[in-house]
N, C-alpha and C. Protein backbone atom coordinates (compact mmCIF):
# COMPACT_ATOMS: atom_id res chain seq x y z
N UNK A 1 26.30 26.60 -39.62
CA UNK A 1 25.39 25.57 -40.10
C UNK A 1 24.69 26.59 -41.08
N UNK A 2 24.95 26.30 -42.30
CA UNK A 2 23.87 27.11 -43.52
C UNK A 2 22.57 26.49 -43.80
N UNK A 3 21.61 27.51 -44.01
CA UNK A 3 20.29 27.00 -43.81
C UNK A 3 19.81 27.83 -45.17
N UNK A 4 18.63 27.03 -45.54
CA UNK A 4 18.10 27.18 -46.67
C UNK A 4 16.53 27.45 -46.40
N UNK A 5 15.98 28.67 -47.30
CA UNK A 5 14.42 28.63 -46.89
C UNK A 5 14.06 28.23 -48.62
N UNK A 6 12.64 27.46 -48.16
CA UNK A 6 12.15 26.78 -48.90
C UNK A 6 10.55 26.80 -48.62
N UNK A 7 10.26 27.80 -49.93
CA UNK A 7 8.75 28.46 -49.90
C UNK A 7 7.92 27.25 -50.44
N UNK A 8 7.03 27.16 -50.06
CA UNK A 8 5.90 26.05 -50.43
C UNK A 8 4.94 26.56 -50.38
N UNK A 9 4.43 26.35 -52.09
CA UNK A 9 3.37 27.20 -52.66
C UNK A 9 1.75 26.42 -52.83
N UNK A 10 2.22 24.88 -52.57
CA UNK A 10 0.74 24.21 -52.75
C UNK A 10 -0.27 24.81 -51.29
N UNK A 11 0.11 25.29 -50.67
CA UNK A 11 -1.22 25.79 -49.59
C UNK A 11 -1.29 26.93 -49.99
N UNK A 12 -2.68 27.16 -49.51
CA UNK A 12 -3.31 28.66 -49.24
C UNK A 12 -3.52 29.25 -47.87
N UNK A 13 -2.79 30.03 -47.51
CA UNK A 13 -1.78 30.98 -48.21
C UNK A 13 -0.43 30.16 -48.19
N UNK A 14 0.76 30.25 -49.31
CA UNK A 14 1.69 29.88 -48.82
C UNK A 14 2.83 30.00 -47.84
N UNK A 15 3.05 28.87 -47.40
CA UNK A 15 3.94 28.56 -46.23
C UNK A 15 5.74 28.58 -46.62
N UNK A 16 6.36 29.15 -45.74
CA UNK A 16 7.94 29.54 -45.88
C UNK A 16 8.35 28.32 -44.64
N UNK A 17 9.00 27.32 -44.60
CA UNK A 17 9.89 26.55 -44.17
C UNK A 17 11.26 26.77 -44.13
N UNK A 18 11.90 26.93 -42.79
CA UNK A 18 13.45 27.02 -43.33
C UNK A 18 14.28 25.89 -42.88
N UNK A 19 14.73 25.09 -43.34
CA UNK A 19 15.17 23.78 -43.32
C UNK A 19 17.22 23.88 -43.29
N UNK A 20 17.63 23.40 -42.70
CA UNK A 20 19.03 23.07 -42.66
C UNK A 20 19.36 22.54 -44.33
N UNK A 21 20.73 22.99 -44.52
CA UNK A 21 21.24 22.36 -45.62
C UNK A 21 21.36 20.68 -45.71
N UNK A 22 21.61 20.35 -44.76
CA UNK A 22 21.82 18.78 -45.09
C UNK A 22 20.13 18.27 -45.01
N UNK A 23 19.51 18.86 -44.73
CA UNK A 23 17.67 18.32 -44.84
C UNK A 23 17.50 18.76 -46.27
N UNK A 24 17.85 19.72 -47.04
CA UNK A 24 17.79 20.04 -48.48
C UNK A 24 18.43 19.20 -49.07
N UNK A 25 19.57 18.94 -49.01
CA UNK A 25 20.23 17.80 -49.37
C UNK A 25 19.78 16.39 -49.43
N UNK A 26 19.29 15.98 -48.31
CA UNK A 26 18.70 14.40 -48.05
C UNK A 26 17.45 14.86 -49.14
N UNK A 27 16.44 15.67 -49.04
CA UNK A 27 15.46 15.66 -50.09
C UNK A 27 15.35 15.68 -51.17
N UNK A 28 16.70 16.42 -51.71
CA UNK A 28 16.98 16.58 -53.03
C UNK A 28 17.65 15.32 -53.50
N UNK A 29 18.51 14.50 -52.77
CA UNK A 29 18.93 13.07 -53.16
C UNK A 29 17.59 12.39 -53.32
N UNK A 30 16.79 12.32 -52.21
CA UNK A 30 15.79 11.31 -52.49
C UNK A 30 15.08 11.72 -53.65
N UNK A 31 14.68 13.24 -53.96
CA UNK A 31 13.81 13.53 -55.22
C UNK A 31 14.43 12.75 -56.83
N UNK A 32 15.90 12.81 -56.63
CA UNK A 32 16.85 12.26 -57.51
C UNK A 32 16.62 10.66 -57.86
N UNK A 33 16.41 10.10 -56.45
CA UNK A 33 15.99 8.43 -56.89
C UNK A 33 14.64 8.09 -57.27
N UNK A 34 13.86 8.77 -56.28
CA UNK A 34 12.48 8.97 -56.35
C UNK A 34 12.19 8.95 -58.19
N UNK A 35 12.66 9.82 -58.66
CA UNK A 35 12.60 10.61 -60.07
C UNK A 35 13.02 9.35 -61.27
N UNK A 36 14.15 8.79 -60.68
CA UNK A 36 14.43 7.59 -61.56
C UNK A 36 13.85 6.21 -61.16
N UNK A 37 13.01 6.24 -60.47
CA UNK A 37 12.32 4.99 -60.17
C UNK A 37 13.13 4.02 -59.50
N UNK A 38 13.89 4.65 -58.81
CA UNK A 38 14.46 4.00 -57.49
C UNK A 38 13.63 3.88 -56.40
N UNK A 39 13.72 2.94 -55.45
CA UNK A 39 13.16 2.92 -54.02
C UNK A 39 13.69 3.88 -53.05
N UNK A 40 13.42 4.62 -52.35
CA UNK A 40 13.53 5.02 -50.93
C UNK A 40 13.02 4.62 -50.12
N UNK A 41 14.08 4.41 -48.87
CA UNK A 41 13.49 4.27 -47.46
C UNK A 41 14.56 4.97 -46.47
N UNK A 42 13.63 5.87 -45.61
CA UNK A 42 14.55 6.24 -44.35
C UNK A 42 14.36 5.61 -43.41
N UNK A 43 15.23 5.07 -42.74
CA UNK A 43 15.47 4.14 -41.25
C UNK A 43 16.08 5.23 -40.40
N UNK A 44 15.33 5.23 -39.21
CA UNK A 44 15.97 5.87 -37.99
C UNK A 44 17.16 4.87 -37.52
N UNK A 45 18.59 5.72 -37.13
CA UNK A 45 19.64 5.02 -36.68
C UNK A 45 19.57 3.89 -35.33
N UNK A 46 18.37 4.09 -34.84
CA UNK A 46 18.36 3.19 -33.94
C UNK A 46 17.00 2.12 -34.10
N UNK A 47 16.82 2.04 -35.17
CA UNK A 47 15.91 1.00 -35.93
C UNK A 47 16.70 -0.44 -35.73
N UNK A 48 15.72 -1.28 -35.16
CA UNK A 48 16.29 -2.63 -35.51
C UNK A 48 16.01 -3.32 -36.17
N UNK A 49 16.67 -4.28 -37.36
CA UNK A 49 16.51 -4.89 -38.35
C UNK A 49 16.49 -6.28 -37.74
N UNK A 50 15.63 -7.24 -38.72
CA UNK A 50 15.82 -8.40 -38.83
C UNK A 50 17.02 -8.89 -39.83
N UNK A 51 17.60 -10.24 -39.77
CA UNK A 51 18.42 -10.28 -40.53
C UNK A 51 18.31 -10.27 -41.95
N UNK A 52 17.47 -10.59 -42.44
CA UNK A 52 16.85 -10.64 -43.99
C UNK A 52 16.53 -8.98 -44.18
N UNK A 53 16.19 -8.04 -43.19
CA UNK A 53 16.24 -6.58 -43.61
C UNK A 53 18.01 -6.40 -43.61
N UNK A 54 18.89 -6.73 -43.05
CA UNK A 54 20.09 -6.39 -43.10
C UNK A 54 20.63 -6.85 -44.07
N UNK A 55 20.44 -8.01 -44.55
CA UNK A 55 20.73 -8.76 -46.16
C UNK A 55 20.34 -7.91 -47.14
N UNK A 56 19.45 -7.31 -47.05
CA UNK A 56 18.46 -6.54 -48.15
C UNK A 56 19.38 -5.23 -48.29
N UNK A 57 19.77 -4.54 -46.97
CA UNK A 57 20.26 -3.47 -47.17
C UNK A 57 21.48 -3.65 -47.80
N UNK A 58 22.39 -4.30 -47.19
CA UNK A 58 24.01 -4.83 -47.72
C UNK A 58 23.74 -5.62 -49.07
N UNK A 59 22.84 -5.94 -49.23
CA UNK A 59 22.67 -6.68 -50.77
C UNK A 59 23.52 -7.95 -50.91
N UNK A 60 23.42 -8.79 -49.84
CA UNK A 60 24.01 -9.94 -49.51
C UNK A 60 22.87 -10.87 -49.10
N UNK A 61 23.46 -12.20 -48.83
CA UNK A 61 22.25 -13.10 -48.61
C UNK A 61 22.15 -12.99 -47.10
N UNK A 62 20.61 -13.65 -46.38
CA UNK A 62 20.62 -14.09 -45.11
C UNK A 62 21.82 -14.59 -44.62
N UNK A 63 22.31 -15.83 -45.15
CA UNK A 63 23.05 -16.61 -44.24
C UNK A 63 24.43 -15.94 -44.32
N UNK A 64 24.64 -14.79 -45.25
CA UNK A 64 25.98 -14.14 -45.09
C UNK A 64 25.66 -13.46 -43.88
N UNK A 65 24.86 -12.74 -43.62
CA UNK A 65 24.78 -11.84 -42.20
C UNK A 65 24.78 -12.60 -41.15
N UNK A 66 24.06 -14.04 -41.30
CA UNK A 66 24.26 -14.62 -40.30
C UNK A 66 25.92 -15.04 -39.72
N UNK A 67 26.55 -15.22 -40.67
CA UNK A 67 27.70 -15.76 -40.60
C UNK A 67 28.70 -14.18 -39.99
N UNK A 68 28.38 -13.08 -40.56
CA UNK A 68 28.95 -11.96 -39.69
C UNK A 68 28.42 -11.97 -38.26
N UNK A 69 27.36 -11.89 -37.79
CA UNK A 69 27.17 -12.30 -36.32
C UNK A 69 28.19 -13.27 -35.71
N UNK A 70 28.12 -14.49 -36.52
CA UNK A 70 28.71 -15.57 -35.74
C UNK A 70 30.35 -14.94 -35.70
N UNK A 71 30.79 -14.42 -36.54
CA UNK A 71 32.33 -14.14 -36.48
C UNK A 71 32.42 -12.52 -35.83
N UNK A 72 31.40 -11.93 -35.05
CA UNK A 72 31.34 -11.07 -34.00
C UNK A 72 31.44 -9.99 -35.03
N UNK A 73 31.45 -9.42 -36.57
CA UNK A 73 31.60 -8.73 -37.17
C UNK A 73 30.67 -7.50 -36.95
N UNK A 74 29.36 -8.44 -36.84
CA UNK A 74 28.22 -7.27 -36.66
C UNK A 74 27.49 -7.70 -35.19
N UNK A 75 27.26 -6.46 -34.28
CA UNK A 75 26.61 -6.52 -33.09
C UNK A 75 25.31 -7.24 -33.36
N UNK A 76 24.99 -7.67 -32.43
CA UNK A 76 23.32 -8.07 -32.46
C UNK A 76 22.79 -8.43 -30.76
N UNK A 77 21.33 -8.38 -31.09
CA UNK A 77 20.96 -8.85 -29.71
C UNK A 77 19.54 -9.97 -30.09
N UNK A 78 19.92 -10.71 -29.23
CA UNK A 78 18.29 -11.94 -29.53
C UNK A 78 17.26 -11.16 -28.75
N UNK A 79 16.56 -11.59 -29.70
CA UNK A 79 14.86 -11.17 -29.37
C UNK A 79 13.69 -12.81 -29.17
N UNK A 80 13.94 -13.33 -28.50
CA UNK A 80 13.78 -14.87 -28.32
C UNK A 80 14.35 -15.36 -29.28
N UNK A 81 14.23 -16.02 -30.40
CA UNK A 81 15.06 -16.86 -31.37
C UNK A 81 15.50 -16.15 -32.04
N UNK A 82 15.14 -14.74 -32.28
CA UNK A 82 15.33 -14.29 -33.36
C UNK A 82 16.88 -13.14 -33.20
N UNK A 83 17.45 -12.71 -34.22
CA UNK A 83 18.49 -12.06 -34.07
C UNK A 83 17.81 -10.59 -34.72
N UNK A 84 18.64 -9.49 -33.97
CA UNK A 84 18.14 -7.88 -34.20
C UNK A 84 19.36 -7.03 -34.51
N UNK A 85 19.57 -6.17 -35.47
CA UNK A 85 20.56 -5.92 -35.61
C UNK A 85 20.56 -4.06 -35.73
N UNK A 86 21.21 -3.38 -34.95
CA UNK A 86 21.03 -2.13 -34.91
C UNK A 86 21.33 -1.46 -36.35
N UNK A 87 20.49 -0.67 -36.83
CA UNK A 87 20.73 -0.29 -37.91
C UNK A 87 21.96 0.63 -38.11
N UNK A 88 22.38 1.50 -36.85
CA UNK A 88 23.56 2.26 -37.14
C UNK A 88 24.93 1.38 -37.09
N UNK A 89 24.56 0.05 -36.30
CA UNK A 89 25.82 -0.84 -36.63
C UNK A 89 25.87 -1.31 -37.88
N UNK A 90 24.77 -1.87 -38.69
CA UNK A 90 24.72 -2.01 -39.63
C UNK A 90 25.34 -1.38 -40.87
N UNK A 91 25.56 0.46 -40.66
CA UNK A 91 26.09 1.37 -41.31
C UNK A 91 27.24 1.21 -41.13
N UNK A 92 27.73 1.16 -39.72
CA UNK A 92 29.25 1.29 -39.28
C UNK A 92 30.22 0.13 -39.80
N UNK A 93 29.34 -0.95 -39.96
CA UNK A 93 30.06 -2.52 -40.77
C UNK A 93 30.30 -1.89 -42.09
N UNK A 94 29.11 -1.86 -42.89
CA UNK A 94 28.97 -1.07 -44.39
C UNK A 94 30.54 0.08 -44.58
N UNK A 95 30.47 1.16 -43.79
CA UNK A 95 31.47 1.95 -43.80
C UNK A 95 32.70 1.27 -43.67
N UNK A 96 32.99 0.52 -42.96
CA UNK A 96 34.32 -0.09 -42.29
C UNK A 96 34.78 -1.05 -43.93
N UNK A 97 33.38 -1.54 -44.04
CA UNK A 97 34.02 -2.21 -45.83
C UNK A 97 34.34 -1.47 -46.82
N UNK A 98 33.56 -0.52 -46.92
CA UNK A 98 33.81 0.55 -48.21
C UNK A 98 35.26 1.10 -47.73
N UNK A 99 35.45 1.43 -46.84
CA UNK A 99 37.15 2.08 -46.42
C UNK A 99 37.99 0.79 -46.80
N UNK A 100 37.59 -0.51 -46.46
CA UNK A 100 38.70 -1.25 -46.90
C UNK A 100 39.07 -1.63 -48.23
N UNK A 101 37.90 -1.38 -48.83
CA UNK A 101 38.12 -1.52 -50.26
C UNK A 101 38.89 -0.65 -51.16
N UNK A 102 38.43 0.20 -50.59
CA UNK A 102 39.19 1.72 -50.98
C UNK A 102 40.34 1.65 -50.73
N UNK A 103 40.75 1.46 -49.70
CA UNK A 103 42.20 0.87 -49.57
C UNK A 103 42.77 0.07 -50.13
N UNK A 104 41.96 -1.01 -50.49
CA UNK A 104 42.97 -1.85 -51.11
C UNK A 104 42.94 -1.58 -52.62
N UNK A 105 42.01 -0.95 -53.25
CA UNK A 105 42.09 -0.63 -54.66
C UNK A 105 43.11 0.62 -54.93
N UNK A 106 43.30 1.52 -53.86
CA UNK A 106 44.74 2.36 -53.63
C UNK A 106 45.92 1.80 -54.36
N UNK A 107 45.90 0.62 -52.98
CA UNK A 107 46.94 0.09 -52.79
C UNK A 107 47.38 -0.77 -54.62
N UNK A 108 46.67 -1.11 -54.92
CA UNK A 108 46.22 -1.86 -56.74
C UNK A 108 46.62 -0.82 -57.30
N UNK A 109 46.26 0.39 -57.43
CA UNK A 109 46.76 1.75 -58.31
C UNK A 109 47.92 1.60 -58.17
N UNK A 110 48.42 1.88 -57.05
CA UNK A 110 49.80 2.38 -56.25
C UNK A 110 50.76 1.60 -57.25
N UNK A 111 50.44 0.19 -57.08
CA UNK A 111 51.24 -1.26 -57.28
C UNK A 111 51.35 -1.37 -58.82
N UNK A 112 50.07 -1.16 -59.69
CA UNK A 112 50.04 -1.06 -61.10
C UNK A 112 50.83 0.11 -61.47
N UNK A 113 50.91 1.49 -61.01
CA UNK A 113 51.41 2.63 -61.35
C UNK A 113 53.29 2.16 -61.03
N UNK A 114 53.33 1.62 -59.96
CA UNK A 114 55.06 0.86 -59.89
C UNK A 114 55.36 0.37 -60.81
N UNK A 115 54.55 -0.85 -61.20
CA UNK A 115 55.24 -1.67 -62.50
C UNK A 115 55.17 -0.95 -63.65
N UNK A 116 54.10 -0.26 -63.99
CA UNK A 116 53.95 0.45 -65.23
C UNK A 116 55.57 1.49 -65.19
N UNK A 117 56.04 1.94 -64.28
CA UNK A 117 57.50 3.09 -64.34
C UNK A 117 58.47 2.35 -64.93
N UNK A 118 58.54 0.82 -64.32
CA UNK A 118 59.64 0.29 -64.47
C UNK A 118 59.54 -0.89 -66.07
N UNK A 119 58.49 -0.40 -67.00
CA UNK A 119 58.48 -1.41 -68.14
C UNK A 119 58.97 -0.56 -69.25
């Protein structure tokens, strides 16, 4: 694993922190988003989200999340009468959907190229 050294000069005396490259990349990405005025949220993988929080993460409606749960596309657990979804399960669903969209787009591009060859 590559390691980056980061020098912090805000303190007296200056302190040096050694961070793994993925942490430096994460901090860089967060600062870019914050600099552009976009909100940034850090969520642990084991966090449990409400259906509204899950909907906000996927940028869909809360009823859509409920339908996903009812179709067993996203695992959940009940806390009283409320559904809770693990963030890691929600990310896995999002990754599956993104991969499916990429495959469909690749197929459309291949079909369009094939049609273009015969015209």
